[in-house]
Amino acid sequence: MQFTKDMNHHYRHTPVALLLGIFLICFCGMFLSACRQSGAGESEPESGAVSSSDEVESTLKFNKENPVVFLDAGHGGTEAGAHSGDTYEKDINLQIVQKVKAILEKDGCQVFLTRDSDTSVTPEDRVTTAEKCGADVFVSVHQNSLDGDSSPHGVKTHCSSEAHEKSSDLASMVQNAVIKTTEAKDRGVEDSSAQYVLQSKQFPSCLIETGFLTSDTEGPLLQDSDYQDKIALGIANGIEQFLGADISSRKEGTAGDGKSSSAESSSAGESSSPEESSKPEESSDPEASSTPAESSDESSSSGAKTTSGEPSPDEKVVYITIDDGPTTGTPKLLDILDEYDAKATWFVTGQYMEGSALKDMLKQIHDRGNTIGVHTFSHQYKNIYSSPDAYMDDYNKMNSIIVSATGESSNIFRFPGGSNAGYNKNIRRELLDRVKSEGLVYYDWNAFTGDTEGMSRSEMVAKAVKECGYNNKAILLMHDVPGRDAVVEALPDILKQLKDQGYEFRALDKNVVPIQFEK
């Protein structure tokens, strides 16, 4: 109380000018302190992005500006997400996101996390924060699960092109890059997501499920730091590829730098990364003279257009694959392909033709610039999948006919029903090891016409165009079967619409990195 009385006494006898002076000094001190804090925040942002112009020039690999990337570690706090035993999705999501952040920041991105600890964040807050900070891209990381079944596995990416037109491009690039670094099963891109975090119209976004925690094989991998590194590298590569293409296309005066440097950045990351072991020639075709990754990197860094092997990231290619033929209707398909300057790959059988007629048709397919792969001779699931030996006997029977007709042995093939067909479940692991040891490369698909599902011509066209549009590199499945006139009727519209979207149509060769449901 004496202190207060003394202070009051002091203020009553202090000149007004002196009091004003003291007030101004205090105010200026507070103002300068706030400025210093603001300046510190600007020069050293939370994302860790570089600040000086010299650092920008030396650090950024694919753009002259600092793109803003928002990474969302799904769930958190009381929302644990999927789990397997004592392992929770929320923890793995955060571990992967932090690894992606480190890679992107090294390449000059400004990276922000919706959470950097085990805290709860609402979907609304995740999106609102990204919008306020002017995000260029938003990527949410999650894991998948399926109670009661430990067999499902693989990577899938969700997006909503209805919310933002470039979200499907981002999703495809991230999905493809992660498949490349991890060799995981490719479950494709789904462009219809209603999830809240994908609904912003201010930036492209995607949500990647990097695997199944409940999988006997994939669950342990998702907890492994080295495997997480592969996932993180893939996500970062996909984001950088997208930013390079997207920003270079809309930033005047930086298109050349943005595009070429993006590819260089992606190639540089891949050349020293763990995915080196994923090259098909190392695992399934040791005699190949060059690897798909090498072909892709060379074309990407030079800006050259590829005509065989793995296409560069900027190219839009559809590989039309035609199963089950040939038939007497095959020449109609060949004529349509020629009209649109398109090539395709026939995975052939001996179901519908035989003898010299079969050989003549195979020769015609080959001589008109298309690729021929084996789809087995009989196509009888029960017989071919009774044992690996039975499968190889049937395979070799068809391949010998191809050699007789064309003078060339086929070294690519497609499993009837796909590599994950339920029919081969009992021998699958042994069979996959066997075909790899034989130096053979098998191809599944990531787009389908729906021609075996009773669809009309217009329905097949819409389905094929939509599913191919999810990826710059699409492997489209269709069939060459007697009586399927709707397929022949649909093909011209499919080719025209995809060509209008900038796609080319090429035949597969063994240096094209395969899409494989099972590995």
Protein backbone atom coordinates (compact mmCIF):
# COMPACT_ATOMS: atom_id res chain seq x y z
CA MET A 1 0.00 0.00 0.00
CA GLN A 2 2.87 2.42 0.78
CA PHE A 3 4.23 1.72 -2.75
CA THR A 4 0.94 2.72 -4.34
CA LYS A 5 0.64 5.85 -2.19
CA ASP A 6 4.18 6.89 -3.12
CA MET A 7 3.58 6.28 -6.83
CA ASN A 8 0.34 8.26 -6.76
CA HIS A 9 2.11 11.06 -4.97
CA HIS A 10 4.90 10.98 -7.57
CA TYR A 11 2.49 11.12 -10.56
CA ARG A 12 0.54 14.04 -9.01
CA HIS A 13 3.67 16.14 -8.95
CA THR A 14 5.22 15.05 -12.30
CA PRO A 15 4.94 17.51 -15.21
CA VAL A 16 2.60 16.45 -18.01
CA ALA A 17 5.35 16.72 -20.65
CA LEU A 18 7.53 14.29 -18.72
CA LEU A 19 4.69 11.78 -18.49
CA LEU A 20 4.10 12.02 -22.23
CA GLY A 21 7.78 11.46 -22.86
CA ILE A 22 7.83 8.32 -20.75
CA PHE A 23 4.74 7.05 -22.56
CA LEU A 24 6.30 7.62 -25.99
CA ILE A 25 9.52 5.88 -25.00
CA CYS A 26 7.57 2.80 -23.82
CA PHE A 27 5.41 2.77 -26.94
CA CYS A 28 8.42 2.96 -29.27
CA GLY A 29 10.14 0.18 -27.39
CA MET A 30 7.17 -2.10 -27.80
CA PHE A 31 6.83 -1.21 -31.49
CA LEU A 32 10.49 -1.96 -32.25
CA SER A 33 10.25 -5.26 -30.37
CA ALA A 34 7.23 -6.27 -32.45
CA CYS A 35 9.05 -5.33 -35.65
CA ARG A 36 12.05 -7.45 -34.67
CA GLN A 37 9.78 -10.42 -34.02
CA SER A 38 7.99 -9.89 -37.30
CA GLY A 39 11.27 -9.60 -39.15
CA ALA A 40 12.58 -12.75 -37.55
CA GLY A 41 9.47 -14.55 -38.59
CA GLU A 42 9.86 -13.39 -42.18
CA SER A 43 13.52 -14.26 -42.53
CA GLU A 44 13.23 -17.62 -40.86
CA PRO A 45 9.76 -18.98 -41.70
CA GLU A 46 8.43 -21.98 -39.85
CA SER A 47 8.66 -24.04 -43.02
CA GLY A 48 12.42 -23.66 -43.12
CA ALA A 49 12.38 -22.14 -46.61
CA VAL A 50 15.47 -20.23 -47.74
CA SER A 51 15.37 -16.43 -47.45
CA SER A 52 18.08 -14.61 -49.39
CA SER A 53 18.09 -14.28 -53.19
CA ASP A 54 21.49 -15.99 -53.39
CA GLU A 55 20.17 -18.96 -51.47
CA VAL A 56 17.10 -19.14 -53.68
CA GLU A 57 19.18 -19.25 -56.86
CA SER A 58 21.49 -21.97 -55.50
CA THR A 59 18.85 -24.12 -53.84
CA LEU A 60 15.75 -24.20 -56.03
CA LYS A 61 15.99 -26.93 -58.63
CA PHE A 62 12.77 -26.57 -60.56
CA ASN A 63 11.48 -23.01 -60.19
CA LYS A 64 12.60 -19.43 -59.58
CA GLU A 65 10.13 -18.94 -56.75
CA ASN A 66 9.38 -20.76 -53.54
CA PRO A 67 6.27 -22.89 -54.06
CA VAL A 68 4.15 -23.46 -50.98
CA VAL A 69 3.41 -27.10 -50.15
CA PHE A 70 0.98 -28.11 -47.43
CA LEU A 71 1.44 -31.63 -46.09
CA ASP A 72 -1.34 -33.14 -44.04
CA ALA A 73 -0.58 -36.01 -41.66
CA GLY A 74 -3.99 -37.63 -41.45
CA HIS A 75 -5.74 -38.10 -38.10
CA GLY A 76 -3.90 -37.29 -34.84
CA GLY A 77 -4.70 -36.90 -31.16
CA THR A 78 -7.86 -38.77 -30.24
CA GLU A 79 -8.37 -39.72 -33.89
CA ALA A 80 -5.96 -42.64 -34.26
CA GLY A 81 -7.13 -43.81 -37.69
CA ALA A 82 -6.42 -47.38 -38.78
CA HIS A 83 -4.40 -49.61 -36.52
CA SER A 84 -2.72 -52.99 -36.38
CA GLY A 85 -1.97 -54.11 -32.84
CA ASP A 86 -0.22 -51.23 -31.11
CA THR A 87 0.64 -49.48 -34.39
CA TYR A 88 -1.56 -46.52 -35.27
CA GLU A 89 -2.06 -44.83 -38.59
CA LYS A 90 -1.72 -41.32 -37.12
CA ASP A 91 1.90 -42.02 -36.11
CA ILE A 92 2.98 -43.46 -39.47
CA ASN A 93 1.29 -40.59 -41.31
CA LEU A 94 3.31 -38.06 -39.32
CA GLN A 95 6.58 -39.96 -39.77
CA ILE A 96 6.15 -40.05 -43.54
CA VAL A 97 5.06 -36.42 -43.78
CA GLN A 98 8.12 -35.25 -41.84
CA LYS A 99 10.37 -37.17 -44.24
CA VAL A 100 8.65 -35.60 -47.25
CA LYS A 101 9.05 -32.16 -45.67
CA ALA A 102 12.80 -32.64 -45.28
CA ILE A 103 13.20 -33.58 -48.95
CA LEU A 104 11.08 -30.73 -50.29
CA GLU A 105 12.70 -28.11 -48.08
CA LYS A 106 16.11 -29.21 -49.30
CA ASP A 107 14.87 -28.49 -52.83
CA GLY A 108 13.66 -25.03 -51.87
CA CYS A 109 9.95 -25.46 -51.20
CA GLN A 110 8.18 -23.72 -48.37
CA VAL A 111 6.60 -26.63 -46.53
CA PHE A 112 3.93 -26.39 -43.87
CA LEU A 113 2.39 -29.20 -41.86
CA THR A 114 -1.19 -29.25 -40.67
CA ARG A 115 0.21 -30.91 -37.54
CA ASP A 116 3.75 -31.65 -36.37
CA SER A 117 2.83 -33.61 -33.25
CA ASP A 118 0.15 -35.97 -31.99
CA THR A 119 -2.64 -33.41 -31.87
CA SER A 120 -6.23 -33.32 -33.09
CA VAL A 121 -6.95 -31.04 -36.05
CA THR A 122 -10.36 -30.72 -37.66
CA PRO A 123 -10.69 -31.17 -41.42
CA GLU A 124 -11.97 -27.60 -41.63
CA ASP A 125 -8.85 -26.24 -39.90
CA ARG A 126 -6.56 -28.26 -42.16
CA VAL A 127 -8.08 -26.75 -45.29
CA THR A 128 -8.60 -23.23 -43.94
CA THR A 129 -4.98 -22.95 -42.82
CA ALA A 130 -3.72 -24.03 -46.23
CA GLU A 131 -6.01 -21.55 -47.99
CA LYS A 132 -4.88 -18.65 -45.80
CA CYS A 133 -1.23 -19.39 -46.55
CA GLY A 134 -1.73 -19.55 -50.31
CA ALA A 135 -0.82 -23.21 -50.79
CA ASP A 136 0.24 -24.29 -54.29
CA VAL A 137 -0.52 -27.94 -53.50
CA PHE A 138 -2.06 -29.87 -50.63
CA VAL A 139 -1.19 -33.54 -50.06
CA SER A 140 -2.76 -35.61 -47.31
CA VAL A 141 -1.07 -38.85 -46.20
CA HIS A 142 -3.04 -41.81 -44.86
CA GLN A 143 -2.90 -45.58 -44.46
CA ASN A 144 -5.55 -48.14 -45.36
CA SER A 145 -6.95 -51.16 -43.52
CA LEU A 146 -9.46 -53.95 -43.93
CA ASP A 147 -10.65 -55.79 -40.84
CA GLY A 148 -10.76 -59.55 -41.08
CA ASP A 149 -8.64 -59.82 -44.25
CA SER A 150 -4.86 -59.44 -44.25
CA SER A 151 -4.36 -59.99 -48.00
CA PRO A 152 -5.30 -56.59 -49.53
CA HIS A 153 -2.32 -54.32 -50.10
CA GLY A 154 -1.12 -51.52 -52.37
CA VAL A 155 -1.12 -47.76 -52.88
CA LYS A 156 -4.13 -45.68 -53.91
CA THR A 157 -4.55 -41.93 -54.35
CA HIS A 158 -7.80 -39.97 -54.14
CA CYS A 159 -8.64 -36.59 -55.63
CA SER A 160 -11.54 -34.43 -56.77
CA SER A 161 -11.06 -32.78 -60.14
CA GLU A 162 -14.53 -31.32 -59.68
CA ALA A 163 -13.12 -29.21 -56.85
CA HIS A 164 -9.94 -28.26 -58.73
CA GLU A 165 -9.19 -29.15 -62.35
CA LYS A 166 -5.52 -29.94 -61.70
CA SER A 167 -6.06 -32.25 -58.75
CA SER A 168 -6.11 -35.34 -60.96
CA ASP A 169 -2.74 -34.38 -62.46
CA LEU A 170 -1.25 -34.01 -59.00
CA ALA A 171 -2.77 -37.30 -57.84
CA SER A 172 -1.49 -39.20 -60.88
CA MET A 173 2.04 -37.87 -60.54
CA VAL A 174 2.20 -38.64 -56.82
CA GLN A 175 0.69 -42.11 -57.31
CA ASN A 176 3.02 -43.05 -60.16
CA ALA A 177 6.10 -41.74 -58.37
CA VAL A 178 5.34 -43.70 -55.19
CA ILE A 179 4.71 -46.89 -57.18
CA LYS A 180 8.07 -46.37 -58.83
CA THR A 181 10.02 -45.92 -55.60
CA THR A 182 8.26 -48.62 -53.56
CA GLU A 183 7.34 -51.26 -56.19
CA ALA A 184 4.05 -51.56 -54.33
CA LYS A 185 0.84 -52.76 -55.92
CA ASP A 186 -0.73 -49.97 -57.97
CA ARG A 187 -4.35 -49.56 -56.90
CA GLY A 188 -4.74 -46.52 -59.12
CA VAL A 189 -6.23 -43.05 -58.76
CA GLU A 190 -9.85 -42.46 -57.77
CA ASP A 191 -11.24 -39.15 -58.98
CA SER A 192 -14.54 -38.91 -57.16
CA SER A 193 -13.61 -38.32 -53.56
CA ALA A 194 -16.03 -36.43 -51.34
CA GLN A 195 -13.54 -36.13 -48.49
CA TYR A 196 -13.53 -32.65 -47.01
CA VAL A 197 -9.77 -32.07 -47.28
CA LEU A 198 -10.01 -32.49 -51.07
CA GLN A 199 -12.79 -29.98 -51.66
CA SER A 200 -10.89 -26.67 -51.73
CA LYS A 201 -11.14 -24.82 -55.04
CA GLN A 202 -8.07 -22.69 -54.26
CA PHE A 203 -5.41 -25.34 -54.83
CA PRO A 204 -4.98 -28.84 -56.29
CA SER A 205 -5.02 -31.56 -53.66
CA CYS A 206 -4.81 -35.30 -53.27
CA LEU A 207 -4.96 -37.90 -50.52
CA ILE A 208 -2.64 -40.89 -50.77
CA GLU A 209 -3.16 -44.17 -48.94
CA THR A 210 0.40 -45.52 -48.91
CA GLY A 211 -0.52 -49.07 -47.90
CA PHE A 212 -2.59 -51.41 -45.74
CA LEU A 213 -1.63 -51.57 -42.08
CA THR A 214 -3.61 -54.80 -41.85
CA SER A 215 -1.61 -56.53 -44.59
CA ASP A 216 0.64 -59.38 -43.51
CA THR A 217 3.34 -58.17 -45.89
CA GLU A 218 2.74 -54.45 -46.19
CA GLY A 219 1.94 -53.69 -42.56
CA PRO A 220 5.48 -54.38 -41.28
CA LEU A 221 6.96 -52.43 -44.21
CA LEU A 222 4.95 -49.33 -43.35
CA GLN A 223 6.57 -49.32 -39.92
CA ASP A 224 10.07 -49.66 -41.38
CA SER A 225 12.01 -46.40 -41.65
CA ASP A 226 13.78 -47.39 -44.88
CA TYR A 227 10.48 -48.19 -46.58
CA GLN A 228 9.03 -44.93 -45.31
CA ASP A 229 12.00 -43.21 -46.97
CA LYS A 230 10.94 -44.75 -50.29
CA ILE A 231 7.36 -43.59 -49.83
CA ALA A 232 8.51 -40.09 -48.88
CA LEU A 233 10.84 -39.86 -51.87
CA GLY A 234 8.03 -40.90 -54.18
CA ILE A 235 5.61 -38.34 -52.75
CA ALA A 236 8.25 -35.61 -52.98
CA ASN A 237 9.15 -36.57 -56.55
CA GLY A 238 5.50 -36.50 -57.57
CA ILE A 239 4.95 -33.09 -55.99
CA GLU A 240 8.09 -31.66 -57.59
CA GLN A 241 7.11 -33.06 -60.97
CA PHE A 242 3.70 -31.44 -60.68
CA LEU A 243 5.09 -28.10 -59.48
CA GLY A 244 7.64 -28.03 -62.27
CA ALA A 245 5.02 -28.60 -64.95
CA ASP A 246 2.28 -26.50 -63.37
CA ILE A 247 4.30 -23.47 -62.34
CA SER A 248 6.33 -23.38 -65.54
CA SER A 249 3.10 -23.32 -67.55
CA ARG A 250 1.66 -20.31 -65.72
CA LYS A 251 4.72 -18.27 -64.74
CA GLU A 252 5.67 -16.03 -67.63
CA GLY A 253 9.34 -16.11 -68.47
CA THR A 254 10.23 -19.24 -66.48
CA ALA A 255 8.68 -21.99 -68.56
CA GLY A 256 11.96 -23.35 -69.88
CA ASP A 257 13.70 -23.31 -66.53
CA GLY A 258 10.75 -24.77 -64.69
CA LYS A 259 10.13 -27.67 -67.00
CA SER A 260 13.63 -28.95 -67.58
CA SER A 261 14.78 -28.41 -64.04
CA SER A 262 11.82 -30.33 -62.66
CA ALA A 263 12.82 -33.39 -64.59
CA GLU A 264 16.43 -33.01 -63.54
CA SER A 265 15.39 -32.77 -59.91
CA SER A 266 13.23 -35.88 -60.19
CA SER A 267 15.92 -37.81 -62.03
CA ALA A 268 18.58 -36.79 -59.56
CA GLY A 269 16.48 -38.03 -56.70
CA GLU A 270 15.78 -41.36 -58.37
CA SER A 271 19.32 -42.11 -59.46
CA SER A 272 20.62 -42.35 -55.90
CA SER A 273 17.48 -43.63 -54.20
CA PRO A 274 16.45 -47.07 -52.94
CA GLU A 275 14.19 -47.66 -55.92
CA GLU A 276 17.17 -48.62 -58.08
CA SER A 277 16.25 -52.22 -57.33
CA SER A 278 12.79 -51.73 -58.86
CA LYS A 279 13.99 -51.64 -62.46
CA PRO A 280 12.35 -54.57 -64.25
CA GLU A 281 15.53 -55.43 -66.17
CA GLU A 282 17.40 -56.03 -62.93
CA SER A 283 14.70 -58.17 -61.38
CA SER A 284 13.12 -59.87 -64.39
CA ASP A 285 15.17 -59.30 -67.54
CA PRO A 286 18.94 -59.18 -66.87
CA GLU A 287 19.78 -59.16 -70.58
CA ALA A 288 18.16 -55.80 -71.28
CA SER A 289 20.70 -53.28 -72.61
CA SER A 290 19.11 -50.31 -70.86
CA THR A 291 16.69 -49.82 -68.02
CA PRO A 292 13.32 -48.08 -68.08
CA ALA A 293 14.53 -45.56 -65.52
CA GLU A 294 17.56 -44.73 -67.68
CA SER A 295 15.40 -44.26 -70.76
CA SER A 296 12.98 -42.06 -68.85
CA ASP A 297 15.69 -39.95 -67.22
CA GLU A 298 17.48 -39.36 -70.48
CA SER A 299 14.36 -38.18 -72.28
CA SER A 300 13.24 -36.09 -69.31
CA SER A 301 16.46 -34.19 -68.83
CA SER A 302 16.93 -33.49 -72.53
CA GLY A 303 13.30 -32.67 -73.23
CA ALA A 304 13.33 -35.23 -76.04
CA LYS A 305 10.27 -37.20 -77.02
CA THR A 306 10.49 -40.93 -76.47
CA THR A 307 9.24 -43.45 -79.03
CA SER A 308 9.94 -46.61 -77.06
CA GLY A 309 10.70 -47.55 -73.50
CA GLU A 310 9.38 -45.60 -70.52
CA PRO A 311 7.84 -42.25 -71.58
CA SER A 312 9.11 -39.05 -70.01
CA PRO A 313 6.97 -37.58 -67.21
CA ASP A 314 5.67 -34.79 -69.46
CA GLU A 315 4.46 -37.11 -72.22
CA LYS A 316 0.89 -38.38 -72.35
CA VAL A 317 0.80 -41.96 -73.62
CA VAL A 318 -1.89 -44.61 -73.80
CA TYR A 319 -0.83 -48.21 -74.29
CA ILE A 320 -3.84 -49.97 -75.78
CA THR A 321 -3.70 -53.65 -74.84
CA ILE A 322 -6.04 -56.11 -76.54
CA ASP A 323 -6.55 -59.49 -74.88
CA ASP A 324 -7.81 -62.90 -76.04
CA GLY A 325 -7.51 -62.57 -79.83
CA PRO A 326 -6.73 -62.78 -82.60
CA THR A 327 -10.06 -63.36 -84.31
CA THR A 328 -11.43 -62.92 -87.78
CA GLY A 329 -12.48 -59.44 -86.66
CA THR A 330 -8.92 -58.37 -85.81
CA PRO A 331 -8.30 -56.64 -89.19
CA LYS A 332 -11.09 -54.15 -88.37
CA LEU A 333 -9.27 -53.14 -85.21
CA LEU A 334 -5.98 -52.86 -87.12
CA ASP A 335 -7.57 -50.59 -89.73
CA ILE A 336 -8.96 -48.28 -87.04
CA LEU A 337 -5.59 -48.09 -85.29
CA ASP A 338 -3.86 -47.23 -88.57
CA GLU A 339 -6.41 -44.49 -89.27
CA TYR A 340 -5.47 -42.76 -86.00
CA ASP A 341 -1.72 -43.44 -86.27
CA ALA A 342 -2.00 -45.65 -83.20
CA LYS A 343 -0.18 -48.79 -82.17
CA ALA A 344 -1.36 -51.42 -79.72
CA THR A 345 -0.27 -54.57 -77.94
CA TRP A 346 -2.09 -57.85 -78.50
CA PHE A 347 -1.87 -60.39 -75.70
CA VAL A 348 -2.79 -63.37 -77.81
CA THR A 349 -4.25 -66.83 -77.36
CA GLY A 350 -5.09 -69.78 -79.62
CA GLN A 351 -8.77 -69.80 -78.64
CA TYR A 352 -10.42 -68.57 -81.82
CA MET A 353 -8.03 -69.35 -84.67
CA GLU A 354 -5.61 -72.15 -85.46
CA GLY A 355 -3.00 -73.35 -87.92
CA SER A 356 -1.99 -71.13 -90.81
CA ALA A 357 -4.90 -68.76 -90.24
CA LEU A 358 -3.66 -68.01 -86.73
CA LYS A 359 -0.10 -67.50 -87.93
CA ASP A 360 -1.19 -65.25 -90.78
CA MET A 361 -3.13 -63.04 -88.40
CA LEU A 362 -0.23 -62.82 -85.94
CA LYS A 363 2.07 -61.84 -88.78
CA GLN A 364 -0.34 -59.13 -89.89
CA ILE A 365 -0.50 -57.67 -86.36
CA HIS A 366 3.29 -57.71 -86.16
CA ASP A 367 3.98 -56.35 -89.64
CA ARG A 368 1.67 -53.38 -89.07
CA GLY A 369 3.87 -52.18 -86.21
CA ASN A 370 2.07 -53.58 -83.19
CA THR A 371 3.53 -55.63 -80.35
CA ILE A 372 2.55 -59.23 -79.63
CA GLY A 373 2.63 -60.65 -76.13
CA VAL A 374 1.51 -64.01 -74.77
CA HIS A 375 -1.82 -64.47 -72.98
CA THR A 376 -1.32 -68.29 -72.89
CA PHE A 377 -2.54 -70.65 -75.59
CA SER A 378 -5.65 -72.21 -74.07
CA HIS A 379 -6.81 -69.46 -71.68
CA GLN A 380 -8.26 -72.25 -69.53
CA TYR A 381 -7.81 -70.96 -65.99
CA LYS A 382 -8.28 -74.29 -64.24
CA ASN A 383 -5.56 -75.94 -66.30
CA ILE A 384 -2.97 -73.18 -66.61
CA TYR A 385 -3.11 -72.29 -62.93
CA SER A 386 -2.87 -75.87 -61.69
CA SER A 387 0.92 -75.47 -61.31
CA PRO A 388 3.78 -73.24 -62.46
CA ASP A 389 4.90 -75.98 -64.85
CA ALA A 390 1.44 -76.18 -66.38
CA TYR A 391 1.40 -72.43 -66.85
CA MET A 392 4.81 -72.35 -68.52
CA ASP A 393 3.92 -75.27 -70.81
CA ASP A 394 0.85 -73.39 -72.04
CA TYR A 395 2.84 -70.15 -72.30
CA ASN A 396 5.60 -71.79 -74.35
CA LYS A 397 3.07 -73.36 -76.71
CA MET A 398 1.69 -69.94 -77.61
CA ASN A 399 5.12 -68.35 -77.80
CA SER A 400 6.37 -71.01 -80.24
CA ILE A 401 3.48 -70.13 -82.58
CA ILE A 402 4.41 -66.43 -82.34
CA VAL A 403 8.03 -67.25 -83.21
CA SER A 404 6.92 -69.33 -86.18
CA ALA A 405 4.65 -66.53 -87.45
CA THR A 406 6.86 -63.48 -86.85
CA GLY A 407 10.39 -64.78 -86.38
CA GLU A 408 10.53 -63.14 -82.95
CA SER A 409 10.01 -64.50 -79.46
CA SER A 410 7.70 -62.59 -77.16
CA ASN A 411 9.21 -61.53 -73.83
CA ILE A 412 6.17 -59.72 -72.43
CA PHE A 413 2.87 -61.26 -71.38
CA ARG A 414 -0.32 -60.84 -69.40
CA PHE A 415 -1.73 -63.32 -66.92
CA PRO A 416 -5.30 -64.35 -67.77
CA GLY A 417 -7.41 -62.52 -65.19
CA GLY A 418 -4.44 -60.36 -64.17
CA SER A 419 -1.53 -61.15 -61.88
CA ASN A 420 -3.84 -61.12 -58.86
CA ALA A 421 -6.46 -63.44 -60.34
CA GLY A 422 -8.15 -65.54 -57.69
CA TYR A 423 -7.49 -68.57 -59.87
CA ASN A 424 -3.72 -68.38 -59.33
CA LYS A 425 -3.83 -67.68 -55.59
CA ASN A 426 -2.55 -71.12 -54.54
CA ILE A 427 0.52 -70.95 -56.80
CA ARG A 428 0.90 -67.19 -57.15
CA ARG A 429 4.16 -66.63 -55.29
CA GLU A 430 5.88 -69.58 -56.91
CA LEU A 431 4.51 -68.62 -60.33
CA LEU A 432 5.66 -65.00 -60.10
CA ASP A 433 9.14 -66.12 -59.09
CA ARG A 434 9.18 -68.57 -61.96
CA VAL A 435 8.30 -66.10 -64.73
CA LYS A 436 10.80 -63.59 -63.38
CA SER A 437 13.52 -66.22 -63.40
CA GLU A 438 12.65 -66.84 -67.07
CA GLY A 439 13.35 -63.17 -67.85
CA LEU A 440 9.70 -62.38 -68.65
CA VAL A 441 7.86 -59.14 -67.90
CA TYR A 442 4.11 -59.16 -67.22
CA TYR A 443 1.72 -56.24 -67.55
CA ASP A 444 -1.55 -55.53 -65.80
CA TRP A 445 -3.54 -52.32 -66.45
CA ASN A 446 -4.81 -49.08 -64.91
CA ALA A 447 -7.68 -48.35 -67.32
CA PHE A 448 -10.45 -50.51 -68.77
CA THR A 449 -13.11 -50.12 -71.46
CA GLY A 450 -15.57 -52.30 -69.55
CA ASP A 451 -16.22 -54.36 -72.69
CA THR A 452 -16.69 -57.58 -70.70
CA GLU A 453 -19.30 -55.95 -68.46
CA GLY A 454 -22.06 -55.61 -71.04
CA MET A 455 -21.55 -51.88 -71.54
CA SER A 456 -22.84 -50.02 -74.57
CA ARG A 457 -20.55 -48.28 -77.06
CA SER A 458 -21.06 -44.87 -75.45
CA GLU A 459 -20.54 -46.26 -71.94
CA MET A 460 -17.28 -47.90 -73.01
CA VAL A 461 -16.03 -44.68 -74.58
CA ALA A 462 -16.82 -42.66 -71.46
CA LYS A 463 -15.24 -45.21 -69.13
CA ALA A 464 -12.06 -45.62 -71.18
CA VAL A 465 -11.51 -41.88 -71.66
CA LYS A 466 -12.16 -41.13 -67.99
CA GLU A 467 -9.86 -43.85 -66.65
CA CYS A 468 -7.03 -43.07 -69.08
CA GLY A 469 -7.33 -39.42 -68.11
CA TYR A 470 -6.26 -40.18 -64.55
CA ASN A 471 -2.67 -40.80 -65.67
CA ASN A 472 -0.17 -39.46 -68.18
CA LYS A 473 0.78 -43.09 -68.72
CA ALA A 474 -2.26 -45.34 -69.12
CA ILE A 475 -2.39 -49.03 -69.95
CA LEU A 476 -5.88 -49.58 -71.34
CA LEU A 477 -7.45 -53.05 -71.31
CA MET A 478 -9.86 -54.17 -74.00
CA HIS A 479 -10.68 -57.50 -75.65
CA ASP A 480 -10.70 -58.98 -79.15
CA VAL A 481 -13.50 -61.52 -78.90
CA PRO A 482 -15.98 -62.77 -81.55
CA GLY A 483 -19.35 -61.04 -81.44
CA ARG A 484 -18.16 -57.94 -79.57
CA ASP A 485 -19.07 -55.41 -82.26
CA ALA A 486 -19.46 -52.67 -79.63
CA VAL A 487 -15.70 -52.75 -79.02
CA VAL A 488 -14.98 -52.08 -82.70
CA GLU A 489 -17.61 -49.33 -82.71
CA ALA A 490 -16.20 -47.70 -79.57
CA LEU A 491 -12.53 -47.69 -80.53
CA PRO A 492 -12.63 -44.73 -83.00
CA ASP A 493 -14.29 -42.45 -80.44
CA ILE A 494 -11.88 -43.56 -77.71
CA LEU A 495 -8.90 -42.78 -79.93
CA LYS A 496 -10.30 -39.45 -81.11
CA GLN A 497 -11.18 -38.15 -77.65
CA LEU A 498 -7.88 -39.18 -76.10
CA LYS A 499 -5.93 -37.79 -79.04
CA ASP A 500 -7.75 -34.47 -78.59
CA GLN A 501 -6.51 -34.52 -74.98
CA GLY A 502 -2.91 -34.81 -76.16
CA TYR A 503 -2.35 -38.55 -75.79
CA GLU A 504 -0.27 -40.69 -78.14
CA PHE A 505 -0.84 -44.40 -78.67
CA ARG A 506 2.16 -46.70 -78.45
CA ALA A 507 2.85 -50.39 -78.27
CA LEU A 508 4.45 -51.84 -75.17
CA ASP A 509 8.00 -53.09 -75.11
CA LYS A 510 9.92 -54.70 -72.27
CA ASN A 511 11.56 -51.39 -71.31
CA VAL A 512 8.22 -49.80 -70.39
CA VAL A 513 7.94 -49.97 -66.59
CA PRO A 514 5.05 -52.39 -66.00
CA ILE A 515 1.94 -51.87 -63.95
CA GLN A 516 1.64 -54.99 -61.81
CA PHE A 517 -1.11 -55.82 -59.33
CA GLU A 518 1.08 -58.46 -57.69
CA LYS A 519 4.87 -58.49 -57.60
